[in-house]
PDB file of N, CA and C in Angstrom:
ATOM      1  N   MET A   1      84.575  49.729  83.505  1.00  0.00           N
ATOM      2  CA  MET A   1      83.748  49.685  84.758  1.00  0.00           C
ATOM      3  C   MET A   1      83.693  50.598  85.384  1.00  0.00           C
ATOM      4  N   PRO A   2      83.717  51.607  85.288  1.00  0.00           N
ATOM      5  CA  PRO A   2      84.104  52.515  86.518  1.00  0.00           C
ATOM      6  C   PRO A   2      83.024  52.455  87.195  1.00  0.00           C
ATOM      7  N   GLU A   3      83.654  52.501  88.435  1.00  0.00           N
ATOM      8  CA  GLU A   3      82.321  52.555  89.463  1.00  0.00           C
ATOM      9  C   GLU A   3      82.628  53.455  90.513  1.00  0.00           C
ATOM     10  N   THR A   4      81.052  54.384  90.847  1.00  0.00           N
ATOM     11  CA  THR A   4      81.685  55.255  91.975  1.00  0.00           C
ATOM     12  C   THR A   4      81.987  55.276  93.081  1.00  0.00           C
ATOM     13  N   LYS A   5      82.679  55.482  93.958  1.00  0.00           N
ATOM     14  CA  LYS A   5      83.283  55.531  95.326  1.00  0.00           C
ATOM     15  C   LYS A   5      81.942  55.258  96.207  1.00  0.00           C
ATOM     16  N   GLY A   6      82.113  53.706  96.777  1.00  0.00           N
ATOM     17  CA  GLY A   6      80.846  53.595  98.331  1.00  0.00           C
ATOM     18  C   GLY A   6      79.970  52.606  97.444  1.00  0.00           C
ATOM     19  N   THR A   7      80.139  52.677  96.231  1.00  0.00           N
ATOM     20  CA  THR A   7      79.218  52.071  95.412  1.00  0.00           C
ATOM     21  C   THR A   7      79.320  50.219  96.025  1.00  0.00           C
ATOM     22  N   SER A   8      78.441  49.106  95.561  1.00  0.00           N
ATOM     23  CA  SER A   8      78.925  47.790  96.006  1.00  0.00           C
ATOM     24  C   SER A   8      79.879  47.016  95.645  1.00  0.00           C
ATOM     25  N   MET A   9      80.040  47.791  94.265  1.00  0.00           N
ATOM     26  CA  MET A   9      81.623  46.978  93.435  1.00  0.00           C
ATOM     27  C   MET A   9      82.476  47.542  93.654  1.00  0.00           C
ATOM     28  N   ASP A  10      82.370  48.871  94.345  1.00  0.00           N
ATOM     29  CA  ASP A  10      83.681  49.571  94.554  1.00  0.00           C
ATOM     30  C   ASP A  10      83.662  48.975  95.871  1.00  0.00           C
ATOM     31  N   GLN A  11      83.304  48.590  96.916  1.00  0.00           N
ATOM     32  CA  GLN A  11      83.896  47.757  98.248  1.00  0.00           C
ATOM     33  C   GLN A  11      84.236  46.472  97.881  1.00  0.00           C
ATOM     34  N   CYS A  12      83.734  45.827  97.014  1.00  0.00           N
ATOM     35  CA  CYS A  12      83.487  44.457  96.758  1.00  0.00           C
ATOM     36  C   CYS A  12      85.735  44.327  96.323  1.00  0.00           C
ATOM     37  N   MET A  13      86.184  45.286  95.184  1.00  0.00           N
ATOM     38  CA  MET A  13      87.121  45.882  94.523  1.00  0.00           C
ATOM     39  C   MET A  13      87.920  45.757  95.531  1.00  0.00           C
ATOM     40  N   ARG A  14      87.720  46.562  96.742  1.00  0.00           N
ATOM     41  CA  ARG A  14      89.219  46.745  97.444  1.00  0.00           C
ATOM     42  C   ARG A  14      89.017  45.484  98.429  1.00  0.00           C
ATOM     43  N   LEU A  15      88.576  44.301  98.089  1.00  0.00           N
ATOM     44  CA  LEU A  15      89.304  43.232  98.758  1.00  0.00           C
ATOM     45  C   LEU A  15      89.812  42.333  97.892  1.00  0.00           C
ATOM     46  N   ALA A  16      89.867  43.008  96.636  1.00  0.00           N
ATOM     47  CA  ALA A  16      90.524  41.495  95.818  1.00  0.00           C
ATOM     48  C   ALA A  16      92.548  42.207  95.504  1.00  0.00           C
ATOM     49  N   ASP A  17      93.317  41.707  95.251  1.00  0.00           N
ATOM     50  CA  ASP A  17      94.261  42.069  95.150  1.00  0.00           C
ATOM     51  C   ASP A  17      94.463  42.451  94.027  1.00  0.00           C
ATOM     52  N   PRO A  18      95.822  43.650  93.257  1.00  0.00           N
ATOM     53  CA  PRO A  18      95.868  44.044  92.036  1.00  0.00           C
ATOM     54  C   PRO A  18      95.498  43.472  91.160  1.00  0.00           C
ATOM     55  N   ALA A  19      95.763  41.851  91.133  1.00  0.00           N
ATOM     56  CA  ALA A  19      95.984  41.423  89.945  1.00  0.00           C
ATOM     57  C   ALA A  19      94.038  40.778  89.277  1.00  0.00           C
ATOM     58  N   LEU A  20      93.751  40.361  90.407  1.00  0.00           N
ATOM     59  CA  LEU A  20      92.791  40.028  90.266  1.00  0.00           C
ATOM     60  C   LEU A  20      91.424  41.249  89.874  1.00  0.00           C
ATOM     61  N   ARG A  21      91.749  42.518  90.456  1.00  0.00           N
ATOM     62  CA  ARG A  21      91.187  43.537  89.996  1.00  0.00           C
ATOM     63  C   ARG A  21      90.975  43.753  88.417  1.00  0.00           C
ATOM     64  N   ARG A  22      92.642  44.175  88.081  1.00  0.00           N
ATOM     65  CA  ARG A  22      92.738  44.082  86.785  1.00  0.00           C
ATOM     66  C   ARG A  22      92.229  43.159  85.847  1.00  0.00           C
ATOM     67  N   GLN A  23      91.833  41.791  86.147  1.00  0.00           N
ATOM     68  CA  GLN A  23      91.146  40.275  85.249  1.00  0.00           C
ATOM     69  C   GLN A  23      89.118  40.967  85.577  1.00  0.00           C
ATOM     70  N   ILE A  24      89.055  41.504  86.847  1.00  0.00           N
ATOM     71  CA  ILE A  24      87.502  41.593  86.386  1.00  0.00           C
ATOM     72  C   ILE A  24      87.415  43.242  85.751  1.00  0.00           C
ATOM     73  N   ILE A  25      88.244  43.945  86.250  1.00  0.00           N
ATOM     74  CA  ILE A  25      88.020  44.987  85.450  1.00  0.00           C
ATOM     75  C   ILE A  25      88.220  44.807  83.400  1.00  0.00           C
ATOM     76  N   GLY A  26      89.065  44.325  83.082  1.00  0.00           N
ATOM     77  CA  GLY A  26      88.767  43.707  82.122  1.00  0.00           C
ATOM     78  C   GLY A  26      88.319  42.441  81.334  1.00  0.00           C
ATOM     79  N   SER A  27      87.105  42.067  82.128  1.00  0.00           N
ATOM     80  CA  SER A  27      86.610  40.593  81.437  1.00  0.00           C
ATOM     81  C   SER A  27      85.227  41.470  80.732  1.00  0.00           C
ATOM     82  N   ASN A  28      84.931  41.029  79.918  1.00  0.00           N
ATOM     83  CA  ASN A  28      83.488  41.354  79.188  1.00  0.00           C
ATOM     84  C   ASN A  28      82.307  41.520  79.617  1.00  0.00           C
ATOM     85  N   SER A  29      82.560  39.627  80.289  1.00  0.00           N
ATOM     86  CA  SER A  29      81.077  38.964  80.828  1.00  0.00           C
ATOM     87  C   SER A  29      81.175  39.636  82.064  1.00  0.00           C
ATOM     88  N   ILE A  30      81.878  39.682  82.832  1.00  0.00           N
ATOM     89  CA  ILE A  30      81.517  40.366  84.321  1.00  0.00           C
ATOM     90  C   ILE A  30      81.286  41.530  83.987  1.00  0.00           C
ATOM     91  N   SER A  31      81.684  42.286  83.177  1.00  0.00           N
ATOM     92  CA  SER A  31      80.898  43.917  83.637  1.00  0.00           C
ATOM     93  C   SER A  31      79.463  43.874  82.684  1.00  0.00           C
ATOM     94  N   SER A  32      79.559  42.916  81.884  1.00  0.00           N
ATOM     95  CA  SER A  32      77.747  42.535  80.979  1.00  0.00           C
ATOM     96  C   SER A  32      76.824  42.472  82.497  1.00  0.00           C
ATOM     97  N   ALA A  33      77.490  41.638  83.254  1.00  0.00           N
ATOM     98  CA  ALA A  33      76.800  40.442  83.982  1.00  0.00           C
ATOM     99  C   ALA A  33      76.289  41.299  84.588  1.00  0.00           C
ATOM    100  N   TRP A  34      77.499  42.936  85.608  1.00  0.00           N
ATOM    101  CA  TRP A  34      77.004  43.774  86.654  1.00  0.00           C
ATOM    102  C   TRP A  34      76.250  45.027  85.693  1.00  0.00           C
ATOM    103  N   LYS A  35      76.493  44.987  84.924  1.00  0.00           N
ATOM    104  CA  LYS A  35      75.168  45.945  83.829  1.00  0.00           C
ATOM    105  C   LYS A  35      74.182  45.633  83.584  1.00  0.00           C
ATOM    106  N   ASP A  36      73.768  44.003  83.527  1.00  0.00           N
ATOM    107  CA  ASP A  36      72.321  43.267  83.394  1.00  0.00           C
ATOM    108  C   ASP A  36      71.933  43.745  84.941  1.00  0.00           C
ATOM    109  N   MET A  37      72.752  43.395  85.944  1.00  0.00           N
ATOM    110  CA  MET A  37      71.959  43.295  87.064  1.00  0.00           C
ATOM    111  C   MET A  37      71.356  44.799  87.993  1.00  0.00           C
ATOM    112  N   HIS A  38      72.206  45.662  87.391  1.00  0.00           N
ATOM    113  CA  HIS A  38      72.127  47.404  87.579  1.00  0.00           C
ATOM    114  C   HIS A  38      70.537  47.186  86.954  1.00  0.00           C
ATOM    115  N   GLY A  39      70.665  46.955  85.528  1.00  0.00           N
ATOM    116  CA  GLY A  39      69.634  47.147  85.143  1.00  0.00           C
ATOM    117  C   GLY A  39      68.336  46.700  84.995  1.00  0.00           C
ATOM    118  N   ALA A  40      68.674  45.785  86.244  1.00  0.00           N
ATOM    119  CA  ALA A  40      67.523  44.630  86.231  1.00  0.00           C
ATOM    120  C   ALA A  40      66.544  45.062  87.573  1.00  0.00           C
ATOM    121  N   GLN A  41      67.443  45.747  88.267  1.00  0.00           N
ATOM    122  CA  GLN A  41      67.746  46.793  89.421  1.00  0.00           C
ATOM    123  C   GLN A  41      67.489  45.650  90.653  1.00  0.00           C
ATOM    124  N   GLN A  42      68.256  44.478  90.661  1.00  0.00           N
ATOM    125  CA  GLN A  42      68.331  43.595  90.661  1.00  0.00           C
ATOM    126  C   GLN A  42      69.157  43.591  92.432  1.00  0.00           C
ATOM    127  N   ILE A  43      68.922  43.318  93.056  1.00  0.00           N
ATOM    128  CA  ILE A  43      69.706  43.532  94.774  1.00  0.00           C
ATOM    129  C   ILE A  43      69.583  42.183  95.091  1.00  0.00           C
ATOM    130  N   LYS A  44      70.867  41.887  95.895  1.00  0.00           N
ATOM    131  CA  LYS A  44      71.349  40.618  96.554  1.00  0.00           C
ATOM    132  C   LYS A  44      71.737  41.186  97.667  1.00  0.00           C
ATOM    133  N   HIS A  45      70.637  39.776  98.860  1.00  0.00           N
ATOM    134  CA  HIS A  45      70.804  39.699 100.027  1.00  0.00           C
ATOM    135  C   HIS A  45      71.717  38.464 100.041  1.00  0.00           C
ATOM    136  N   VAL A  46      73.169  38.932 101.097  1.00  0.00           N
ATOM    137  CA  VAL A  46      74.031  37.722 101.114  1.00  0.00           C
ATOM    138  C   VAL A  46      73.679  37.224 102.877  1.00  0.00           C
ATOM    139  N   VAL A  47      73.896  36.193 103.469  1.00  0.00           N
ATOM    140  CA  VAL A  47      74.157  35.800 104.567  1.00  0.00           C
ATOM    141  C   VAL A  47      74.929  34.290 104.552  1.00  0.00           C
ATOM    142  N   VAL A  48      76.359  34.736 105.740  1.00  0.00           N
ATOM    143  CA  VAL A  48      77.298  33.724 105.468  1.00  0.00           C
ATOM    144  C   VAL A  48      76.995  32.924 106.548  1.00  0.00           C
ATOM    145  N   LEU A  49      76.826  31.537 105.479  1.00  0.00           N
ATOM    146  CA  LEU A  49      76.378  30.496 106.412  1.00  0.00           C
ATOM    147  C   LEU A  49      77.590  29.509 107.974  1.00  0.00           C
ATOM    148  N   GLU A  50      78.660  29.573 106.808  1.00  0.00           N
ATOM    149  CA  GLU A  50      80.033  28.709 107.290  1.00  0.00           C
ATOM    150  C   GLU A  50      81.096  28.972 106.490  1.00  0.00           C
ATOM    151  N   VAL A  51      82.073  29.001 106.792  1.00  0.00           N
ATOM    152  CA  VAL A  51      83.295  29.243 106.727  1.00  0.00           C
ATOM    153  C   VAL A  51      84.802  28.414 107.084  1.00  0.00           C
ATOM    154  N   THR A  52      85.225  27.413 105.955  1.00  0.00           N
ATOM    155  CA  THR A  52      85.722  26.787 106.322  1.00  0.00           C
ATOM    156  C   THR A  52      87.008  26.136 105.319  1.00  0.00           C
ATOM    157  N   GLN A  53      87.995  25.668 105.499  1.00  0.00           N
ATOM    158  CA  GLN A  53      89.051  25.440 104.642  1.00  0.00           C
ATOM    159  C   GLN A  53      88.532  24.068 103.740  1.00  0.00           C
ATOM    160  N   PRO A  54      88.821  24.230 102.592  1.00  0.00           N
ATOM    161  CA  PRO A  54      88.204  23.095 101.874  1.00  0.00           C
ATOM    162  C   PRO A  54      89.010  22.115 101.995  1.00  0.00           C
ATOM    163  N   LEU A  55      88.326  20.755 101.742  1.00  0.00           N
ATOM    164  CA  LEU A  55      88.822  19.534 101.842  1.00  0.00           C
ATOM    165  C   LEU A  55      90.265  19.449 100.366  1.00  0.00           C
ATOM    166  N   GLY A  56      91.114  19.462 100.824  1.00  0.00           N
ATOM    167  CA  GLY A  56      92.524  18.697  99.756  1.00  0.00           C
ATOM    168  C   GLY A  56      93.243  19.967  99.710  1.00  0.00           C
ATOM    169  N   ALA A  57      93.167  21.139 100.079  1.00  0.00           N
ATOM    170  CA  ALA A  57      93.917  22.459  99.853  1.00  0.00           C
ATOM    171  C   ALA A  57      94.751  22.561 100.575  1.00  0.00           C
ATOM    172  N   PRO A  58      95.835  23.154 100.386  1.00  0.00           N
ATOM    173  CA  PRO A  58      96.821  23.250 100.308  1.00  0.00           C
ATOM    174  C   PRO A  58      96.941  23.870 102.126  1.00  0.00           C
ATOM    175  N   MET A  59      97.945  23.679 102.983  1.00  0.00           N
ATOM    176  CA  MET A  59      97.976  23.999 104.281  1.00  0.00           C
ATOM    177  C   MET A  59      97.720  25.452 104.267  1.00  0.00           C
ATOM    178  N   SER A  60      97.697  25.982 105.226  1.00  0.00           N
ATOM    179  CA  SER A  60      97.475  27.982 105.672  1.00  0.00           C
ATOM    180  C   SER A  60      99.066  27.814 105.423  1.00  0.00           C
ATOM    181  N   THR A  61      99.690  29.080 105.471  1.00  0.00           N
ATOM    182  CA  THR A  61     100.369  29.632 105.601  1.00  0.00           C
ATOM    183  C   THR A  61     100.530  31.008 106.488  1.00  0.00           C
ATOM    184  N   ASP A  62     101.855  32.241 106.383  1.00  0.00           N
ATOM    185  CA  ASP A  62     101.464  33.247 106.884  1.00  0.00           C
ATOM    186  C   ASP A  62     101.098  34.565 105.817  1.00  0.00           C
ATOM    187  N   ARG A  63     101.397  33.922 104.605  1.00  0.00           N
ATOM    188  CA  ARG A  63     101.131  34.625 103.266  1.00  0.00           C
ATOM    189  C   ARG A  63      99.922  34.505 102.350  1.00  0.00           C
ATOM    190  N   VAL A  64      99.304  32.767 102.922  1.00  0.00           N
ATOM    191  CA  VAL A  64      98.288  32.413 101.756  1.00  0.00           C
ATOM    192  C   VAL A  64      97.131  30.960 102.716  1.00  0.00           C
ATOM    193  N   THR A  65      96.118  31.643 102.025  1.00  0.00           N
ATOM    194  CA  THR A  65      94.983  30.267 102.708  1.00  0.00           C
ATOM    195  C   THR A  65      94.024  30.767 102.024  1.00  0.00           C
ATOM    196  N   TYR A  66      93.666  29.492 101.719  1.00  0.00           N
ATOM    197  CA  TYR A  66      92.203  29.067 101.397  1.00  0.00           C
ATOM    198  C   TYR A  66      91.392  29.113 102.355  1.00  0.00           C
ATOM    199  N   LEU A  67      89.766  29.279 101.529  1.00  0.00           N
ATOM    200  CA  LEU A  67      88.540  29.552 102.189  1.00  0.00           C
ATOM    201  C   LEU A  67      87.247  28.824 101.765  1.00  0.00           C
ATOM    202  N   SER A  68      86.411  28.156 102.155  1.00  0.00           N
ATOM    203  CA  SER A  68      85.361  27.477 101.055  1.00  0.00           C
ATOM    204  C   SER A  68      84.089  28.695 102.435  1.00  0.00           C
ATOM    205  N   ILE A  69      83.211  28.968 101.689  1.00  0.00           N
ATOM    206  CA  ILE A  69      82.404  30.217 102.036  1.00  0.00           C
ATOM    207  C   ILE A  69      80.964  29.531 101.995  1.00  0.00           C
ATOM    208  N   VAL A  70      80.088  29.006 102.247  1.00  0.00           N
ATOM    209  CA  VAL A  70      78.473  28.563 101.795  1.00  0.00           C
ATOM    210  C   VAL A  70      77.725  29.840 102.521  1.00  0.00           C
ATOM    211  N   TYR A  71      76.913  30.160 101.486  1.00  0.00           N
ATOM    212  CA  TYR A  71      76.376  31.491 102.357  1.00  0.00           C
ATOM    213  C   TYR A  71      74.453  31.231 101.180  1.00  0.00           C
ATOM    214  N   ALA A  72      73.475  31.869 102.037  1.00  0.00           N
ATOM    215  CA  ALA A  72      72.197  32.255 101.144  1.00  0.00           C
ATOM    216  C   ALA A  72      72.115  33.619 101.181  1.00  0.00           C
ATOM    217  N   TYR A  73      71.349  33.081 100.004  1.00  0.00           N
ATOM    218  CA  TYR A  73      70.986  35.040  99.179  1.00  0.00           C
ATOM    219  C   TYR A  73      69.529  34.955  98.465  1.00  0.00           C
ATOM    220  N   GLN A  74      69.298  35.992  98.573  1.00  0.00           N
ATOM    221  CA  GLN A  74      67.760  35.924  97.287  1.00  0.00           C
ATOM    222  C   GLN A  74      68.204  37.429  96.652  1.00  0.00           C
ATOM    223  N   ALA A  75      67.795  37.235  95.364  1.00  0.00           N
ATOM    224  CA  ALA A  75      67.904  37.937  94.878  1.00  0.00           C
ATOM    225  C   ALA A  75      66.429  38.921  94.246  1.00  0.00           C
ATOM    226  N   THR A  76      66.348  39.863  93.997  1.00  0.00           N
ATOM    227  CA  THR A  76      64.967  40.864  94.209  1.00  0.00           C
ATOM    228  C   THR A  76      65.283  41.784  93.198  1.00  0.00           C
ATOM    229  N   THR A  77      63.866  41.716  92.341  1.00  0.00           N
ATOM    230  CA  THR A  77      63.900  42.804  91.773  1.00  0.00           C
ATOM    231  C   THR A  77      62.539  43.423  92.064  1.00  0.00           C
ATOM    232  N   GLY A  78      63.146  44.649  92.577  1.00  0.00           N
ATOM    233  CA  GLY A  78      61.886  45.548  92.517  1.00  0.00           C
ATOM    234  C   GLY A  78      61.616  45.437  94.196  1.00  0.00           C
ATOM    235  N   SER A  79      60.381  45.029  94.528  1.00  0.00           N
ATOM    236  CA  SER A  79      59.935  44.578  95.614  1.00  0.00           C
ATOM    237  C   SER A  79      59.445  43.011  95.718  1.00  0.00           C
ATOM    238  N   SER A  80      59.627  42.469  94.656  1.00  0.00           N
ATOM    239  CA  SER A  80      59.612  41.156  95.059  1.00  0.00           C
ATOM    240  C   SER A  80      60.350  40.055  94.875  1.00  0.00           C
ATOM    241  N   ILE A  81      60.959  38.838  95.296  1.00  0.00           N
ATOM    242  CA  ILE A  81      61.424  38.192  95.542  1.00  0.00           C
ATOM    243  C   ILE A  81      61.845  37.245  94.233  1.00  0.00           C
ATOM    244  N   ARG A  82      62.861  37.370  93.928  1.00  0.00           N
ATOM    245  CA  ARG A  82      63.100  36.253  92.448  1.00  0.00           C
ATOM    246  C   ARG A  82      63.596  35.270  92.598  1.00  0.00           C
ATOM    247  N   ASN A  83      64.499  34.832  93.592  1.00  0.00           N
ATOM    248  CA  ASN A  83      65.043  33.955  93.786  1.00  0.00           C
ATOM    249  C   ASN A  83      65.638  33.522  95.107  1.00  0.00           C
ATOM    250  N   ALA A  84      65.500  32.607  95.870  1.00  0.00           N
ATOM    251  CA  ALA A  84      66.578  32.442  96.746  1.00  0.00           C
ATOM    252  C   ALA A  84      66.986  31.149  97.054  1.00  0.00           C
ATOM    253  N   SER A  85      68.721  31.116  97.595  1.00  0.00           N
ATOM    254  CA  SER A  85      69.375  30.252  97.231  1.00  0.00           C
ATOM    255  C   SER A  85      70.360  29.768  98.235  1.00  0.00           C
ATOM    256  N   ILE A  86      71.164  28.476  97.996  1.00  0.00           N
ATOM    257  CA  ILE A  86      72.203  28.821  98.836  1.00  0.00           C
ATOM    258  C   ILE A  86      73.581  28.319  97.770  1.00  0.00           C
ATOM    259  N   GLY A  87      74.155  29.143  97.959  1.00  0.00           N
ATOM    260  CA  GLY A  87      75.327  28.804  96.906  1.00  0.00           C
ATOM    261  C   GLY A  87      76.749  28.478  97.865  1.00  0.00           C
ATOM    262  N   ASN A  88      77.712  28.332  97.232  1.00  0.00           N
ATOM    263  CA  ASN A  88      79.020  28.148  97.609  1.00  0.00           C
ATOM    264  C   ASN A  88      80.212  29.110  96.949  1.00  0.00           C
ATOM    265  N   VAL A  89      81.754  29.744  97.827  1.00  0.00           N
ATOM    266  CA  VAL A  89      82.655  30.007  96.806  1.00  0.00           C
ATOM    267  C   VAL A  89      83.731  29.683  97.543  1.00  0.00           C
ATOM    268  N   MET A  90      84.883  28.997  97.032  1.00  0.00           N
ATOM    269  CA  MET A  90      86.547  28.481  97.380  1.00  0.00           C
ATOM    270  C   MET A  90      87.071  30.319  96.629  1.00  0.00           C
ATOM    271  N   LEU A  91      87.607  30.483  97.529  1.00  0.00           N
ATOM    272  CA  LEU A  91      88.581  31.562  97.762  1.00  0.00           C
ATOM    273  C   LEU A  91      89.988  31.395  98.041  1.00  0.00           C
ATOM    274  N   LYS A  92      90.670  32.081  97.310  1.00  0.00           N
ATOM    275  CA  LYS A  92      92.287  32.288  97.655  1.00  0.00           C
ATOM    276  C   LYS A  92      92.559  33.280  97.801  1.00  0.00           C
ATOM    277  N   LEU A  93      93.110  33.722  99.760  1.00  0.00           N
ATOM    278  CA  LEU A  93      93.208  35.126  99.898  1.00  0.00           C
ATOM    279  C   LEU A  93      94.806  34.957 100.002  1.00  0.00           C
ATOM    280  N   THR A  94      95.173  36.225  99.638  1.00  0.00           N
ATOM    281  CA  THR A  94      96.960  36.092 100.064  1.00  0.00           C
ATOM    282  C   THR A  94      97.165  37.645 101.030  1.00  0.00           C
ATOM    283  N   ASN A  95      98.128  37.141 101.933  1.00  0.00           N
ATOM    284  CA  ASN A  95      98.301  38.377 102.860  1.00  0.00           C
ATOM    285  C   ASN A  95      99.266  39.106 102.567  1.00  0.00           C
ATOM    286  N   THR A  96      99.191  40.810 102.197  1.00  0.00           N
ATOM    287  CA  THR A  96      99.721  41.614 101.013  1.00  0.00           C
ATOM    288  C   THR A  96      99.623  42.741 102.243  1.00  0.00           C
ATOM    289  N   HIS A  97     100.996  42.888 102.661  1.00  0.00           N
ATOM    290  CA  HIS A  97     101.163  43.809 103.455  1.00  0.00           C
ATOM    291  C   HIS A  97     100.561  43.785 104.944  1.00  0.00           C
ATOM    292  N   GLY A  98     100.258  42.929 105.292  1.00  0.00           N
ATOM    293  CA  GLY A  98      99.415  42.660 106.547  1.00  0.00           C
ATOM    294  C   GLY A  98      98.110  42.644 106.548  1.00  0.00           C
ATOM    295  N   ILE A  99      97.835  42.504 104.958  1.00  0.00           N
ATOM    296  CA  ILE A  99      96.156  42.748 104.724  1.00  0.00           C
ATOM    297  C   ILE A  99      95.703  41.041 103.952  1.00  0.00           C
ATOM    298  N   TRP A 100      94.782  40.757 104.303  1.00  0.00           N
ATOM    299  CA  TRP A 100      94.386  39.448 103.368  1.00  0.00           C
ATOM    300  C   TRP A 100      93.837  40.132 102.427  1.00  0.00           C
ATOM    301  N   LEU A 101      93.744  39.646 101.201  1.00  0.00           N
ATOM    302  CA  LEU A 101      93.082  39.673 100.055  1.00  0.00           C
ATOM    303  C   LEU A 101      92.657  39.099  99.413  1.00  0.00           C
ATOM    304  N   VAL A 102      91.287  39.082  98.768  1.00  0.00           N
ATOM    305  CA  VAL A 102      91.380  37.669  97.745  1.00  0.00           C
ATOM    306  C   VAL A 102      92.359  37.942  96.328  1.00  0.00           C
ATOM    307  N   SER A 103      93.002  36.684  96.423  1.00  0.00           N
ATOM    308  CA  SER A 103      93.608  36.817  95.029  1.00  0.00           C
ATOM    309  C   SER A 103      93.197  35.701  93.984  1.00  0.00           C
ATOM    310  N   ARG A 104      91.816  34.946  94.357  1.00  0.00           N
ATOM    311  CA  ARG A 104      91.514  33.810  93.196  1.00  0.00           C
ATOM    312  C   ARG A 104      89.969  33.561  93.636  1.00  0.00           C
ATOM    313  N   VAL A 105      89.208  33.826  92.948  1.00  0.00           N
ATOM    314  CA  VAL A 105      88.183  32.745  93.128  1.00  0.00           C
ATOM    315  C   VAL A 105      88.169  31.208  92.381  1.00  0.00           C
ATOM    316  N   ILE A 106      87.838  30.243  93.024  1.00  0.00           N
ATOM    317  CA  ILE A 106      88.111  28.973  92.709  1.00  0.00           C
ATOM    318  C   ILE A 106      86.677  28.083  92.283  1.00  0.00           C
TER     319      ILE A 106
END
């Protein structure tokens, strides 16, 4: 799934740690979903509504923390809005050489 520098996938991949990058690149289902989204000319507009520590998550340390992110998004095809919704995602972030990177999507 090669992406050119500056594309949204390239920008997102820079936020992932090396192990997660390899997992994403090696995943056929992610690659297929990404190609389908490009083929449909689908664009998502995402607005972060809230960032918290998930209930029951381990305590944050100087090396690892967990975040729960609530967001609103719109998926469009061409000029029409196809879907507007609210979602959430939990992330594990790892501090690697002073840079916080996503190491796992939960």
